[in-house]
Amino acid sequence: MSHFSNPSQDDIPVAGAASAAGPDEALRRRLGIGRRRFLSTCTAAAGAAVAAPVLGASPAFAAQDHERGHGHGKGQGHGGQVLVPAHKRGIILYTVRDATGRDPLSTDLPSGFREVFKELSRHGYRQVEFAGYTQHPNAPGGADLGTVKGARLLRGWLEDHGLRAQGNHGFIPPSWPLTKSDLDTFKQHLEIANILGMPHMGTGGDPTDSPYRADWDVAAEKWNTLGEIARREGIKLYTHNHDAAYGFLLDGGPLDDQGRPTRSSGIRKLEYFLKVTDPKRVWLEMDIYWAHVAQYKFHTYTAHDGTQRRNIFDPAGLVARHNKRYPLFHAKDGTRNETNGMGYDMVPFGTGDIDYRTFFSRVGQRNYHNPMVEQDNAPSSTDAGQSLRFAKIGYDNMAALRKRRC
């Protein structure tokens, strides 16, 4: 079990003042913001403390400005330790779903799993994460490869091109308690995972969409049970996040008219999930892009006593505290946008503002984690080759990441 600090000690009241050596100084160091920029940001925000949370969007972005020009693309490949070893560079096939779903009879572009594997291998990738097992019916093997026969075909094509399957966003039973039908289907997916040689199997969704602790307790019970079933088959079960899963858990304070809590202790939903799930049964895949969206959106909560408190999410810090619980990452990038409600616009990996050099340096364990390049908007309705080109850009930028010399 993980142990969490008391928010009343670690979190900062929005309207409160702090000395230079107090919580704000610790926050400044954690976010990597220069003292002058940090103080100027605090001064600018102080007048708006009632209307808007102090240190909301701007500090998170300021931390990235501090490293801008040092964490992406060109200029990274000189000196320093490689942050993502060659055998750990992967991609989730959702990024190139248009290519696997393309009719090979209608184009000369790579189409279907076999040809896409060949192209990704040429780019340099050595790992893939599946997002289902369907492709165009005219591709070798037919439309549905989510069978024993199909999995054997996929395994052969992976090996032909020097690729390893690390995981899949697949079937997590919706029922709880489990129905026999759902349990049988889950076991079939575990069998396919083993044929593919995957050490992990997971989902692209959150354990629950609820903000309430009671629902996360139920989700934890379910995932502990599923995780034990997977463990017996030699598979690690993992969940994935979007931004909401790193929002604040409602776990106390006055109850609403349905008897549900309306305030938070300051713990985030997936932080609580880490605490109440068995580390030998349940793992997580951090989508780093969505974690940074959560950093932008969820920075202030109403404590049990009714006060407004500030807590800036630190994705790399959370992983560093629970390193073995995060075997996979989605390495997805974004450029800053303070007008769209999320803080970022999705772009090819290594061309945005998320500081991956610092993230991977801080979490360490480079031979344990498996970062998968992802870009949800890589497929284009007007440029059929775009997603595979963006996959190549992502690979090159991941390969170029180097740890900064001290």
Protein backbone atom coordinates (compact mmCIF):
# COMPACT_ATOMS: atom_id res chain seq x y z
CA MET A 1 0.00 0.00 0.00
CA SER A 2 1.11 3.54 -0.67
CA HIS A 3 1.01 6.20 2.04
CA PHE A 4 -0.07 9.74 1.25
CA SER A 5 0.83 12.95 2.94
CA ASN A 6 -1.79 14.90 4.83
CA PRO A 7 -3.06 17.56 2.40
CA SER A 8 -3.30 20.03 5.27
CA GLN A 9 0.50 19.87 5.53
CA ASP A 10 1.52 19.53 1.88
CA ASP A 11 -1.15 21.48 0.00
CA ILE A 12 -1.25 25.26 -0.07
CA PRO A 13 -4.31 27.36 0.81
CA VAL A 14 -5.16 29.50 -2.20
CA ALA A 15 -5.42 32.73 -0.24
CA GLY A 16 -2.47 32.04 2.08
CA ALA A 17 1.00 33.55 1.96
CA ALA A 18 4.21 31.54 2.24
CA SER A 19 7.79 32.41 3.05
CA ALA A 20 10.54 31.95 0.47
CA ALA A 21 11.60 28.75 2.22
CA GLY A 22 8.04 27.42 2.55
CA PRO A 23 5.71 25.43 0.31
CA ASP A 24 5.97 27.84 -2.64
CA GLU A 25 9.73 27.36 -2.76
CA ALA A 26 9.29 23.58 -2.80
CA LEU A 27 6.71 23.97 -5.55
CA ARG A 28 9.05 26.18 -7.58
CA ARG A 29 11.83 23.59 -7.41
CA ARG A 30 9.51 20.70 -8.26
CA LEU A 31 8.19 22.46 -11.36
CA GLY A 32 11.64 23.61 -12.47
CA ILE A 33 10.73 27.29 -12.62
CA GLY A 34 13.34 30.01 -12.20
CA ARG A 35 12.92 32.07 -9.03
CA ARG A 36 12.39 35.36 -10.89
CA ARG A 37 9.74 33.88 -13.20
CA PHE A 38 8.08 32.10 -10.27
CA LEU A 39 7.85 35.27 -8.17
CA SER A 40 6.56 37.35 -11.07
CA THR A 41 3.90 34.73 -11.78
CA CYS A 42 2.82 34.69 -8.14
CA THR A 43 2.65 38.49 -8.06
CA ALA A 44 0.55 38.61 -11.21
CA ALA A 45 -1.77 35.94 -9.90
CA ALA A 46 -2.22 37.35 -6.40
CA GLY A 47 -4.78 39.94 -7.46
CA ALA A 48 -6.90 37.27 -9.10
CA ALA A 49 -6.85 34.76 -6.23
CA VAL A 50 -10.61 34.92 -5.72
CA ALA A 51 -11.57 34.73 -9.39
CA ALA A 52 -9.00 32.14 -10.47
CA PRO A 53 -6.68 29.66 -8.73
CA VAL A 54 -3.16 30.87 -8.05
CA LEU A 55 -0.58 29.01 -10.11
CA GLY A 56 -3.05 27.38 -12.46
CA ALA A 57 -2.11 27.19 -16.12
CA SER A 58 0.80 29.59 -16.17
CA PRO A 59 3.18 27.85 -13.74
CA ALA A 60 2.77 24.49 -15.45
CA PHE A 61 3.62 26.15 -18.73
CA ALA A 62 6.41 28.18 -17.19
CA ALA A 63 8.08 24.97 -16.06
CA GLN A 64 8.18 23.84 -19.66
CA ASP A 65 9.42 27.24 -20.87
CA HIS A 66 12.39 26.79 -18.54
CA GLU A 67 13.44 23.74 -20.56
CA ARG A 68 12.20 24.83 -23.98
CA GLY A 69 14.70 24.12 -26.72
CA HIS A 70 16.34 21.41 -24.64
CA GLY A 71 13.79 18.60 -24.57
CA HIS A 72 12.75 17.90 -28.14
CA GLY A 73 13.88 17.05 -31.61
CA LYS A 74 17.00 18.65 -32.99
CA GLY A 75 19.97 19.19 -30.76
CA GLN A 76 19.20 16.41 -28.31
CA GLY A 77 21.45 13.75 -29.73
CA HIS A 78 24.79 15.05 -28.49
CA GLY A 79 26.24 13.72 -25.23
CA GLY A 80 24.44 12.26 -22.26
CA GLN A 81 22.86 8.89 -21.67
CA VAL A 82 20.19 7.64 -24.07
CA LEU A 83 16.91 8.04 -22.18
CA VAL A 84 14.91 5.43 -24.11
CA PRO A 85 17.02 2.42 -25.17
CA ALA A 86 16.47 1.16 -28.70
CA HIS A 87 14.73 -2.04 -27.57
CA LYS A 88 12.23 -0.03 -25.52
CA ARG A 89 11.03 2.32 -28.29
CA GLY A 90 7.45 1.43 -29.12
CA ILE A 91 4.22 2.68 -30.66
CA ILE A 92 0.56 1.95 -30.00
CA LEU A 93 -1.07 0.88 -33.25
CA TYR A 94 -4.00 3.23 -32.61
CA THR A 95 -1.70 5.93 -33.98
CA VAL A 96 -1.68 4.21 -37.39
CA ARG A 97 -5.17 2.67 -37.26
CA ASP A 98 -5.98 4.09 -40.70
CA ALA A 99 -3.07 2.11 -42.16
CA THR A 100 -4.04 -1.21 -40.56
CA GLY A 101 -7.62 -0.59 -41.65
CA ARG A 102 -6.76 0.41 -45.23
CA ASP A 103 -7.74 -1.73 -48.24
CA PRO A 104 -4.48 -3.08 -49.72
CA LEU A 105 -6.20 -3.49 -53.09
CA SER A 106 -6.85 0.26 -53.34
CA THR A 107 -3.40 1.72 -52.58
CA ASP A 108 0.33 1.14 -52.71
CA LEU A 109 0.71 2.45 -49.15
CA PRO A 110 1.37 -0.05 -46.34
CA SER A 111 -1.98 -1.62 -45.43
CA GLY A 112 -2.99 -4.22 -42.85
CA PHE A 113 -0.98 -5.48 -39.90
CA ARG A 114 1.73 -7.32 -41.83
CA GLU A 115 2.75 -4.39 -44.03
CA VAL A 116 2.41 -1.87 -41.21
CA PHE A 117 4.71 -4.00 -39.01
CA LYS A 118 7.24 -3.98 -41.84
CA GLU A 119 7.07 -0.20 -42.13
CA LEU A 120 7.30 0.43 -38.39
CA SER A 121 10.32 -1.87 -38.20
CA ARG A 122 11.96 0.15 -40.99
CA HIS A 123 11.35 3.28 -38.92
CA GLY A 124 13.29 1.64 -36.06
CA TYR A 125 10.54 0.56 -33.69
CA ARG A 126 11.05 -2.64 -31.72
CA GLN A 127 7.81 -2.74 -29.73
CA VAL A 128 4.11 -2.31 -30.43
CA GLU A 129 0.99 -2.05 -28.33
CA PHE A 130 -2.20 -3.28 -29.93
CA ALA A 131 -5.50 -1.40 -29.87
CA GLY A 132 -7.57 -4.39 -30.94
CA TYR A 133 -6.94 -7.03 -33.59
CA THR A 134 -9.10 -5.95 -36.52
CA GLN A 135 -7.88 -4.82 -39.95
CA HIS A 136 -9.24 -4.49 -43.47
CA PRO A 137 -10.87 -7.72 -44.72
CA ASN A 138 -8.65 -7.73 -47.83
CA ALA A 139 -5.44 -7.72 -45.79
CA PRO A 140 -3.63 -11.03 -45.22
CA GLY A 141 -5.40 -13.04 -42.53
CA GLY A 142 -8.76 -11.32 -43.00
CA ALA A 143 -10.61 -8.81 -40.88
CA ASP A 144 -10.56 -10.32 -37.39
CA LEU A 145 -7.28 -11.61 -35.99
CA GLY A 146 -8.56 -11.74 -32.42
CA THR A 147 -8.59 -15.54 -32.48
CA VAL A 148 -6.04 -18.24 -31.72
CA LYS A 149 -5.34 -18.65 -35.43
CA GLY A 150 -5.13 -14.90 -35.96
CA ALA A 151 -2.84 -14.40 -32.98
CA ARG A 152 -0.44 -16.98 -34.37
CA LEU A 153 -0.34 -15.09 -37.67
CA LEU A 154 0.31 -11.82 -35.86
CA ARG A 155 3.06 -13.39 -33.75
CA GLY A 156 4.80 -14.67 -36.86
CA TRP A 157 4.65 -11.29 -38.59
CA LEU A 158 5.95 -9.54 -35.46
CA GLU A 159 8.92 -11.91 -35.28
CA ASP A 160 9.57 -11.56 -39.02
CA HIS A 161 10.12 -7.84 -38.50
CA GLY A 162 11.93 -7.86 -35.16
CA LEU A 163 8.98 -6.54 -33.18
CA ARG A 164 7.60 -7.50 -29.77
CA ALA A 165 4.04 -6.95 -28.57
CA GLN A 166 4.02 -5.31 -25.12
CA GLY A 167 0.30 -4.95 -24.51
CA ASN A 168 -3.18 -4.42 -25.88
CA HIS A 169 -6.09 -2.09 -25.24
CA GLY A 170 -8.65 -4.82 -25.23
CA PHE A 171 -11.45 -6.43 -23.27
CA ILE A 172 -12.07 -5.59 -19.62
CA PRO A 173 -15.34 -7.18 -18.43
CA PRO A 174 -18.05 -4.57 -17.92
CA SER A 175 -19.92 -6.78 -15.44
CA TRP A 176 -19.34 -6.87 -11.70
CA PRO A 177 -19.79 -9.37 -10.20
CA LEU A 178 -18.44 -11.12 -13.26
CA THR A 179 -20.84 -12.96 -15.50
CA LYS A 180 -19.72 -16.31 -16.84
CA SER A 181 -19.79 -14.94 -20.39
CA ASP A 182 -17.54 -11.99 -19.51
CA LEU A 183 -15.14 -14.22 -17.57
CA ASP A 184 -14.86 -16.63 -20.51
CA THR A 185 -14.20 -13.76 -22.93
CA PHE A 186 -11.58 -12.28 -20.59
CA LYS A 187 -9.79 -15.64 -20.42
CA GLN A 188 -9.85 -15.90 -24.21
CA HIS A 189 -8.12 -12.51 -24.44
CA LEU A 190 -5.50 -13.71 -21.96
CA GLU A 191 -4.89 -16.75 -24.15
CA ILE A 192 -4.39 -14.50 -27.19
CA ALA A 193 -2.03 -12.29 -25.19
CA ASN A 194 0.09 -15.30 -24.34
CA ILE A 195 0.20 -16.49 -27.95
CA LEU A 196 1.39 -13.00 -28.93
CA GLY A 197 4.03 -13.11 -26.20
CA MET A 198 2.67 -10.01 -24.48
CA PRO A 199 3.67 -9.49 -20.85
CA HIS A 200 0.81 -7.01 -20.33
CA MET A 201 -2.87 -6.67 -21.18
CA GLY A 202 -5.02 -3.64 -20.50
CA THR A 203 -7.59 -1.11 -21.55
CA GLY A 204 -7.74 2.37 -23.05
CA GLY A 205 -10.28 3.53 -20.49
CA ASP A 206 -10.23 4.55 -16.84
CA PRO A 207 -11.22 2.06 -14.09
CA THR A 208 -14.36 4.16 -13.48
CA ASP A 209 -15.63 7.55 -14.59
CA SER A 210 -16.98 8.32 -11.12
CA PRO A 211 -15.52 11.05 -8.87
CA TYR A 212 -16.63 9.24 -5.68
CA ARG A 213 -14.44 7.12 -3.39
CA ALA A 214 -17.07 4.39 -2.96
CA ASP A 215 -17.07 3.75 -6.71
CA TRP A 216 -13.28 3.63 -6.83
CA ASP A 217 -13.36 1.08 -3.99
CA VAL A 218 -15.64 -1.11 -6.13
CA ALA A 219 -13.35 -0.62 -9.14
CA ALA A 220 -10.35 -1.63 -7.04
CA GLU A 221 -12.09 -4.82 -5.88
CA LYS A 222 -12.92 -5.69 -9.47
CA TRP A 223 -9.42 -4.95 -10.78
CA ASN A 224 -7.76 -6.90 -7.97
CA THR A 225 -9.89 -9.90 -8.95
CA LEU A 226 -9.19 -9.53 -12.68
CA GLY A 227 -5.53 -8.91 -11.96
CA GLU A 228 -5.27 -12.17 -10.04
CA ILE A 229 -6.86 -14.07 -12.93
CA ALA A 230 -4.37 -12.45 -15.31
CA ARG A 231 -1.45 -13.10 -12.95
CA ARG A 232 -2.20 -16.83 -12.97
CA GLU A 233 -1.78 -16.73 -16.76
CA GLY A 234 1.52 -14.84 -16.51
CA ILE A 235 0.03 -11.50 -17.64
CA LYS A 236 0.17 -8.11 -15.91
CA LEU A 237 -3.17 -6.28 -16.10
CA TYR A 238 -3.00 -2.51 -16.58
CA THR A 239 -5.33 0.45 -16.80
CA HIS A 240 -4.82 3.65 -18.78
CA ASN A 241 -5.75 7.24 -17.94
CA HIS A 242 -7.36 10.25 -19.48
CA ASP A 243 -7.26 13.62 -17.75
CA ALA A 244 -10.24 13.09 -15.44
CA ALA A 245 -8.64 10.11 -13.68
CA TYR A 246 -6.01 12.47 -12.25
CA GLY A 247 -8.65 14.87 -10.97
CA PHE A 248 -9.43 15.08 -7.27
CA LEU A 249 -11.38 12.29 -5.54
CA LEU A 250 -14.55 13.30 -3.66
CA ASP A 251 -14.16 11.55 -0.31
CA GLY A 252 -15.55 13.74 2.47
CA GLY A 253 -17.27 16.92 3.57
CA PRO A 254 -21.03 17.57 3.43
CA LEU A 255 -23.13 15.02 1.57
CA ASP A 256 -25.34 15.89 -1.39
CA ASP A 257 -29.03 14.94 -1.59
CA GLN A 258 -28.03 11.45 -2.74
CA GLY A 259 -25.71 10.91 0.21
CA ARG A 260 -22.49 11.39 -1.77
CA PRO A 261 -19.45 13.40 -0.60
CA THR A 262 -18.93 16.84 -2.11
CA ARG A 263 -15.36 17.66 -1.05
CA SER A 264 -11.87 16.21 -1.32
CA SER A 265 -8.94 15.33 0.90
CA GLY A 266 -6.69 16.34 -2.00
CA ILE A 267 -5.87 12.84 -3.20
CA ARG A 268 -6.30 12.22 -6.92
CA LYS A 269 -8.43 9.37 -8.21
CA LEU A 270 -5.67 7.20 -9.64
CA GLU A 271 -3.43 7.98 -6.67
CA TYR A 272 -6.17 6.46 -4.51
CA PHE A 273 -6.48 3.54 -6.93
CA LEU A 274 -2.76 2.88 -6.52
CA LYS A 275 -3.29 2.82 -2.77
CA VAL A 276 -6.20 0.36 -2.70
CA THR A 277 -5.11 -2.07 -5.42
CA ASP A 278 -2.62 -4.90 -5.00
CA PRO A 279 0.77 -4.01 -6.57
CA LYS A 280 1.20 -7.68 -7.48
CA ARG A 281 -2.06 -7.72 -9.44
CA VAL A 282 -2.71 -4.28 -10.92
CA TRP A 283 -0.48 -1.97 -12.99
CA LEU A 284 -0.94 1.35 -14.75
CA GLU A 285 -0.02 2.89 -18.08
CA MET A 286 0.42 6.64 -17.77
CA ASP A 287 -0.71 8.62 -20.79
CA ILE A 288 1.72 11.46 -20.25
CA TYR A 289 -0.18 13.90 -22.46
CA TRP A 290 -3.45 13.42 -20.58
CA ALA A 291 -1.55 13.60 -17.28
CA HIS A 292 -0.30 17.05 -18.31
CA VAL A 293 -3.82 18.07 -19.32
CA ALA A 294 -4.83 17.05 -15.78
CA GLN A 295 -2.00 19.21 -14.42
CA TYR A 296 -3.46 22.14 -16.34
CA LYS A 297 -7.09 21.54 -15.39
CA PHE A 298 -7.06 20.14 -11.85
CA HIS A 299 -4.98 22.33 -9.58
CA THR A 300 -7.47 23.48 -6.92
CA TYR A 301 -9.95 21.57 -4.77
CA THR A 302 -12.38 22.22 -1.92
CA ALA A 303 -11.05 20.58 1.23
CA HIS A 304 -13.28 18.86 3.80
CA ASP A 305 -13.34 22.04 5.88
CA GLY A 306 -14.55 24.12 2.92
CA THR A 307 -11.30 25.93 2.21
CA GLN A 308 -9.93 26.17 -1.31
CA ARG A 309 -6.54 24.50 -1.59
CA ARG A 310 -3.95 24.36 -4.34
CA ASN A 311 -2.12 21.19 -5.40
CA ILE A 312 -0.22 21.18 -8.70
CA PHE A 313 -0.07 17.68 -10.18
CA ASP A 314 3.44 16.33 -10.81
CA PRO A 315 3.15 13.37 -13.25
CA ALA A 316 6.83 12.43 -13.18
CA GLY A 317 6.90 12.65 -9.39
CA LEU A 318 3.97 10.25 -9.08
CA VAL A 319 5.65 7.71 -11.37
CA ALA A 320 8.95 8.06 -9.51
CA ARG A 321 7.18 7.20 -6.24
CA HIS A 322 5.51 4.14 -7.78
CA ASN A 323 7.95 3.20 -10.53
CA LYS A 324 7.19 -0.51 -10.72
CA ARG A 325 3.46 0.16 -10.99
CA TYR A 326 3.98 1.95 -14.33
CA PRO A 327 5.46 -0.51 -16.84
CA LEU A 328 4.02 1.35 -19.85
CA PHE A 329 3.67 4.96 -20.98
CA HIS A 330 1.87 6.68 -23.80
CA ALA A 331 4.42 9.16 -25.11
CA LYS A 332 2.15 11.75 -26.65
CA ASP A 333 3.04 15.41 -27.18
CA GLY A 334 1.19 18.71 -27.27
CA THR A 335 1.73 22.38 -27.97
CA ARG A 336 0.42 24.82 -25.41
CA ASN A 337 -3.02 26.27 -25.92
CA GLU A 338 -4.66 28.18 -23.09
CA THR A 339 -7.89 28.72 -25.05
CA ASN A 340 -9.15 25.18 -25.63
CA GLY A 341 -9.89 24.18 -22.02
CA MET A 342 -7.24 21.44 -21.98
CA GLY A 343 -4.01 23.43 -22.17
CA TYR A 344 -2.57 21.54 -25.14
CA ASP A 345 -3.13 20.66 -28.80
CA MET A 346 -1.93 17.20 -29.83
CA VAL A 347 1.10 17.11 -32.19
CA PRO A 348 3.69 14.51 -33.31
CA PHE A 349 5.89 13.28 -30.49
CA GLY A 350 8.90 15.51 -29.89
CA THR A 351 7.47 18.58 -31.66
CA GLY A 352 5.47 19.95 -28.73
CA ASP A 353 6.01 21.57 -25.35
CA ILE A 354 5.87 18.62 -22.95
CA ASP A 355 9.38 18.23 -21.57
CA TYR A 356 10.09 14.57 -22.17
CA ARG A 357 13.79 14.89 -21.49
CA THR A 358 13.08 15.96 -17.94
CA PHE A 359 10.21 13.48 -17.52
CA PHE A 360 12.24 10.42 -18.52
CA SER A 361 15.27 11.66 -16.58
CA ARG A 362 13.22 12.03 -13.41
CA VAL A 363 11.41 8.70 -13.57
CA GLY A 364 14.57 6.74 -14.44
CA GLN A 365 14.33 2.94 -14.72
CA ARG A 366 14.92 3.23 -18.47
CA ASN A 367 15.23 -0.53 -18.94
CA TYR A 368 11.92 -1.15 -17.17
CA HIS A 369 9.47 1.35 -18.67
CA ASN A 370 8.01 0.87 -22.15
CA PRO A 371 7.09 4.20 -23.77
CA MET A 372 4.67 3.91 -26.70
CA VAL A 373 4.50 6.79 -29.15
CA GLU A 374 0.88 7.83 -29.60
CA GLN A 375 -0.92 10.54 -31.53
CA ASP A 376 -4.70 10.29 -31.57
CA ASN A 377 -5.05 12.70 -34.50
CA ALA A 378 -2.28 11.26 -36.69
CA PRO A 379 -4.65 9.76 -39.31
CA SER A 380 -5.83 12.27 -41.92
CA SER A 381 -8.84 12.19 -44.23
CA THR A 382 -6.88 14.11 -46.88
CA ASP A 383 -3.35 12.71 -46.49
CA ALA A 384 -3.32 8.92 -46.43
CA GLY A 385 0.36 8.63 -45.59
CA GLN A 386 0.38 11.09 -42.70
CA SER A 387 0.05 8.72 -39.75
CA LEU A 388 3.05 6.60 -40.76
CA ARG A 389 5.11 9.76 -41.41
CA PHE A 390 4.19 11.07 -37.97
CA ALA A 391 5.14 7.66 -36.54
CA LYS A 392 8.60 8.11 -38.08
CA ILE A 393 8.90 11.62 -36.63
CA GLY A 394 7.94 10.26 -33.22
CA TYR A 395 10.50 7.48 -33.40
CA ASP A 396 13.32 9.80 -34.43
CA ASN A 397 12.55 12.25 -31.63
CA MET A 398 12.30 9.50 -29.03
CA ALA A 399 15.63 8.06 -30.18
CA ALA A 400 17.23 11.50 -29.90
CA LEU A 401 16.35 12.01 -26.23
CA ARG A 402 19.46 12.27 -24.06
CA LYS A 403 19.89 12.87 -20.37
CA ARG A 404 21.30 16.29 -19.68
CA ARG A 405 24.89 16.29 -18.49
CA CYS A 406 25.36 17.71 -15.01
